[in-house]
Amino acid sequence: MPALTIRNIPDDIHRGLKALAAKHGRSAEAEVRELIASAVFPSERQRLGSALGDIWGGVRLTEVEARVIDRARDRVPAKPMSLGE
């Protein structure tokens, strides 16, 4: 597993980190891992589908546009992939 060294942490931040770790009942190192994980993978992060829905959710096609898209669709099934045969 990779390791990370962080240098030159100000004293007040180091004290605060130790206090936060003690509050959560874990080591300072475990607290840092949790803080990094929370920053990298926030629980409220928006997923791609939700983002696209927010962007395009209000877009509505007219009947003419829908017919143009429908006529342009390729209706021929894709050829199955060969696995070395």
N, C-alpha and C. Protein backbone atom coordinates (compact mmCIF):
# COMPACT_ATOMS: atom_id res chain seq x y z
N MET A 1 0.85 -1.17 0.00
CA MET A 1 0.00 0.00 0.00
C MET A 1 0.90 1.24 0.00
N PRO A 2 0.59 2.25 -0.81
CA PRO A 2 1.43 3.44 -0.88
C PRO A 2 1.45 4.20 0.45
N ALA A 3 2.53 4.92 0.67
CA ALA A 3 2.68 5.76 1.86
C ALA A 3 2.81 7.21 1.42
N LEU A 4 2.45 8.11 2.30
CA LEU A 4 2.50 9.54 2.01
C LEU A 4 3.12 10.26 3.20
N THR A 5 4.09 11.11 2.94
CA THR A 5 4.72 11.90 3.99
C THR A 5 4.34 13.35 3.78
N ILE A 6 3.86 14.00 4.82
CA ILE A 6 3.48 15.41 4.74
C ILE A 6 4.40 16.19 5.66
N ARG A 7 5.13 17.13 5.09
CA ARG A 7 6.09 17.92 5.85
C ARG A 7 5.54 19.31 6.14
N ASN A 8 6.12 19.93 7.14
CA ASN A 8 5.87 21.33 7.47
C ASN A 8 4.41 21.63 7.82
N ILE A 9 3.81 20.76 8.60
CA ILE A 9 2.45 21.02 9.07
C ILE A 9 2.55 22.01 10.23
N PRO A 10 1.83 23.11 10.18
CA PRO A 10 1.87 24.08 11.28
C PRO A 10 1.44 23.43 12.61
N ASP A 11 2.04 23.89 13.69
CA ASP A 11 1.77 23.32 15.01
C ASP A 11 0.29 23.33 15.37
N ASP A 12 -0.40 24.44 15.08
CA ASP A 12 -1.81 24.52 15.46
C ASP A 12 -2.66 23.50 14.69
N ILE A 13 -2.31 23.24 13.44
CA ILE A 13 -3.04 22.24 12.67
C ILE A 13 -2.75 20.85 13.21
N HIS A 14 -1.51 20.59 13.57
CA HIS A 14 -1.14 19.28 14.13
C HIS A 14 -1.88 19.03 15.45
N ARG A 15 -1.95 20.06 16.29
CA ARG A 15 -2.68 19.92 17.56
C ARG A 15 -4.17 19.68 17.29
N GLY A 16 -4.71 20.42 16.37
CA GLY A 16 -6.12 20.24 16.03
C GLY A 16 -6.41 18.86 15.48
N LEU A 17 -5.50 18.34 14.67
CA LEU A 17 -5.65 17.01 14.11
C LEU A 17 -5.63 15.95 15.21
N LYS A 18 -4.71 16.10 16.15
CA LYS A 18 -4.63 15.15 17.26
C LYS A 18 -5.90 15.22 18.12
N ALA A 19 -6.42 16.43 18.33
CA ALA A 19 -7.65 16.59 19.11
C ALA A 19 -8.84 15.95 18.39
N LEU A 20 -8.90 16.17 17.09
CA LEU A 20 -9.97 15.58 16.29
C LEU A 20 -9.89 14.06 16.31
N ALA A 21 -8.67 13.53 16.19
CA ALA A 21 -8.48 12.07 16.23
C ALA A 21 -8.92 11.51 17.58
N ALA A 22 -8.54 12.20 18.68
CA ALA A 22 -8.93 11.74 20.01
C ALA A 22 -10.45 11.76 20.17
N LYS A 23 -11.07 12.79 19.61
CA LYS A 23 -12.54 12.90 19.68
C LYS A 23 -13.21 11.71 18.99
N HIS A 24 -12.61 11.24 17.90
CA HIS A 24 -13.17 10.12 17.14
C HIS A 24 -12.61 8.78 17.59
N GLY A 25 -11.74 8.78 18.58
CA GLY A 25 -11.21 7.54 19.12
C GLY A 25 -10.27 6.80 18.20
N ARG A 26 -9.47 7.54 17.44
CA ARG A 26 -8.51 6.89 16.55
C ARG A 26 -7.19 7.64 16.56
N SER A 27 -6.20 7.05 15.95
CA SER A 27 -4.88 7.68 15.89
C SER A 27 -4.92 8.86 14.92
N ALA A 28 -3.90 9.71 15.03
CA ALA A 28 -3.80 10.84 14.10
C ALA A 28 -3.66 10.32 12.67
N GLU A 29 -2.91 9.26 12.49
CA GLU A 29 -2.74 8.68 11.16
C GLU A 29 -4.07 8.17 10.60
N ALA A 30 -4.84 7.50 11.42
CA ALA A 30 -6.16 7.01 10.97
C ALA A 30 -7.09 8.18 10.68
N GLU A 31 -6.98 9.23 11.47
CA GLU A 31 -7.81 10.41 11.23
C GLU A 31 -7.46 11.06 9.89
N VAL A 32 -6.18 11.14 9.58
CA VAL A 32 -5.75 11.71 8.30
C VAL A 32 -6.27 10.85 7.14
N ARG A 33 -6.18 9.53 7.28
CA ARG A 33 -6.72 8.64 6.23
C ARG A 33 -8.21 8.90 6.02
N GLU A 34 -8.94 9.05 7.11
CA GLU A 34 -10.38 9.30 7.01
C GLU A 34 -10.66 10.65 6.36
N LEU A 35 -9.91 11.67 6.74
CA LEU A 35 -10.10 13.01 6.16
C LEU A 35 -9.81 13.00 4.66
N ILE A 36 -8.74 12.31 4.27
CA ILE A 36 -8.40 12.23 2.85
C ILE A 36 -9.49 11.47 2.09
N ALA A 37 -9.94 10.36 2.64
CA ALA A 37 -11.00 9.58 1.98
C ALA A 37 -12.27 10.42 1.83
N SER A 38 -12.61 11.19 2.85
CA SER A 38 -13.81 12.04 2.79
C SER A 38 -13.68 13.12 1.72
N ALA A 39 -12.46 13.64 1.57
CA ALA A 39 -12.24 14.69 0.56
C ALA A 39 -12.25 14.10 -0.85
N VAL A 40 -11.70 12.92 -1.02
CA VAL A 40 -11.60 12.32 -2.34
C VAL A 40 -12.93 11.70 -2.78
N PHE A 41 -13.64 11.09 -1.83
CA PHE A 41 -14.92 10.44 -2.13
C PHE A 41 -16.01 11.00 -1.23
N PRO A 42 -16.41 12.26 -1.42
CA PRO A 42 -17.46 12.83 -0.56
C PRO A 42 -18.79 12.09 -0.74
N SER A 43 -19.53 11.95 0.33
CA SER A 43 -20.80 11.21 0.25
C SER A 43 -21.83 11.95 -0.59
N GLU A 44 -21.71 13.26 -0.69
CA GLU A 44 -22.71 14.02 -1.44
C GLU A 44 -22.27 14.32 -2.87
N ARG A 45 -21.22 13.63 -3.34
CA ARG A 45 -20.76 13.91 -4.69
C ARG A 45 -21.84 13.56 -5.70
N GLN A 46 -21.85 14.29 -6.78
CA GLN A 46 -22.87 14.08 -7.78
C GLN A 46 -22.39 13.03 -8.78
N ARG A 47 -23.24 12.11 -9.08
CA ARG A 47 -22.92 11.06 -10.05
C ARG A 47 -23.14 11.58 -11.47
N LEU A 48 -22.51 10.92 -12.42
CA LEU A 48 -22.57 11.35 -13.81
C LEU A 48 -24.01 11.43 -14.33
N GLY A 49 -24.80 10.42 -14.07
CA GLY A 49 -26.18 10.43 -14.56
C GLY A 49 -26.98 11.59 -14.00
N SER A 50 -26.77 11.90 -12.73
CA SER A 50 -27.46 13.03 -12.11
C SER A 50 -27.00 14.35 -12.72
N ALA A 51 -25.69 14.46 -12.97
CA ALA A 51 -25.17 15.69 -13.57
C ALA A 51 -25.75 15.88 -14.97
N LEU A 52 -25.78 14.81 -15.76
CA LEU A 52 -26.36 14.92 -17.11
C LEU A 52 -27.84 15.25 -17.05
N GLY A 53 -28.53 14.66 -16.09
CA GLY A 53 -29.95 14.97 -15.92
C GLY A 53 -30.17 16.43 -15.57
N ASP A 54 -29.30 16.98 -14.72
CA ASP A 54 -29.40 18.39 -14.37
C ASP A 54 -29.16 19.29 -15.58
N ILE A 55 -28.21 18.87 -16.42
CA ILE A 55 -27.88 19.69 -17.59
C ILE A 55 -28.97 19.59 -18.65
N TRP A 56 -29.40 18.37 -18.97
CA TRP A 56 -30.30 18.16 -20.10
C TRP A 56 -31.73 17.83 -19.71
N GLY A 57 -32.03 17.81 -18.42
CA GLY A 57 -33.35 17.40 -17.96
C GLY A 57 -34.50 18.24 -18.49
N GLY A 58 -34.26 19.50 -18.74
CA GLY A 58 -35.32 20.38 -19.21
C GLY A 58 -35.45 20.43 -20.72
N VAL A 59 -34.58 19.73 -21.43
CA VAL A 59 -34.60 19.77 -22.90
C VAL A 59 -35.69 18.81 -23.40
N ARG A 60 -36.53 19.31 -24.26
CA ARG A 60 -37.59 18.50 -24.84
C ARG A 60 -37.51 18.60 -26.36
N LEU A 61 -37.63 17.45 -27.02
CA LEU A 61 -37.61 17.43 -28.47
C LEU A 61 -39.01 17.69 -29.01
N THR A 62 -39.04 18.33 -30.17
CA THR A 62 -40.32 18.48 -30.87
C THR A 62 -40.59 17.16 -31.58
N GLU A 63 -41.81 16.98 -32.05
CA GLU A 63 -42.15 15.76 -32.79
C GLU A 63 -41.29 15.63 -34.03
N VAL A 64 -41.03 16.73 -34.71
CA VAL A 64 -40.21 16.71 -35.93
C VAL A 64 -38.79 16.26 -35.59
N GLU A 65 -38.21 16.80 -34.53
CA GLU A 65 -36.86 16.42 -34.12
C GLU A 65 -36.80 14.94 -33.74
N ALA A 66 -37.80 14.47 -33.03
CA ALA A 66 -37.83 13.07 -32.63
C ALA A 66 -37.90 12.16 -33.85
N ARG A 67 -38.69 12.53 -34.87
CA ARG A 67 -38.79 11.72 -36.08
C ARG A 67 -37.47 11.72 -36.85
N VAL A 68 -36.78 12.86 -36.90
CA VAL A 68 -35.48 12.93 -37.59
C VAL A 68 -34.48 12.01 -36.90
N ILE A 69 -34.42 12.04 -35.59
CA ILE A 69 -33.50 11.18 -34.84
C ILE A 69 -33.88 9.72 -35.04
N ASP A 70 -35.16 9.42 -35.01
CA ASP A 70 -35.61 8.04 -35.17
C ASP A 70 -35.24 7.51 -36.55
N ARG A 71 -35.39 8.32 -37.60
CA ARG A 71 -35.04 7.88 -38.95
C ARG A 71 -33.53 7.69 -39.09
N ALA A 72 -32.74 8.45 -38.36
CA ALA A 72 -31.28 8.39 -38.48
C ALA A 72 -30.68 7.22 -37.71
N ARG A 73 -31.46 6.62 -36.83
CA ARG A 73 -30.93 5.50 -36.02
C ARG A 73 -30.53 4.32 -36.90
N ASP A 74 -29.44 3.68 -36.54
CA ASP A 74 -29.00 2.47 -37.21
C ASP A 74 -29.76 1.30 -36.60
N ARG A 75 -30.59 0.64 -37.39
CA ARG A 75 -31.41 -0.44 -36.87
C ARG A 75 -30.80 -1.83 -37.11
N VAL A 76 -29.63 -1.86 -37.74
CA VAL A 76 -28.95 -3.14 -37.99
C VAL A 76 -28.22 -3.55 -36.72
N PRO A 77 -28.49 -4.77 -36.24
CA PRO A 77 -27.80 -5.20 -35.03
C PRO A 77 -26.29 -5.25 -35.24
N ALA A 78 -25.56 -4.95 -34.20
CA ALA A 78 -24.10 -5.00 -34.27
C ALA A 78 -23.64 -6.44 -34.43
N LYS A 79 -22.55 -6.62 -35.15
CA LYS A 79 -21.98 -7.97 -35.33
C LYS A 79 -21.32 -8.36 -34.02
N PRO A 80 -21.60 -9.56 -33.50
CA PRO A 80 -20.99 -10.00 -32.25
C PRO A 80 -19.46 -10.05 -32.38
N MET A 81 -18.80 -9.73 -31.28
CA MET A 81 -17.36 -9.73 -31.26
C MET A 81 -16.83 -11.16 -31.33
N SER A 82 -15.76 -11.35 -32.07
CA SER A 82 -15.13 -12.66 -32.16
C SER A 82 -14.03 -12.75 -31.11
N LEU A 83 -13.98 -13.87 -30.44
CA LEU A 83 -12.96 -14.07 -29.41
C LEU A 83 -11.87 -15.00 -29.89
N GLY A 84 -11.34 -14.72 -31.07
CA GLY A 84 -10.21 -15.46 -31.60
C GLY A 84 -10.56 -16.70 -32.39
N GLU A 85 -11.74 -16.80 -32.85
CA GLU A 85 -12.14 -17.99 -33.62
C GLU A 85 -11.83 -17.82 -35.07
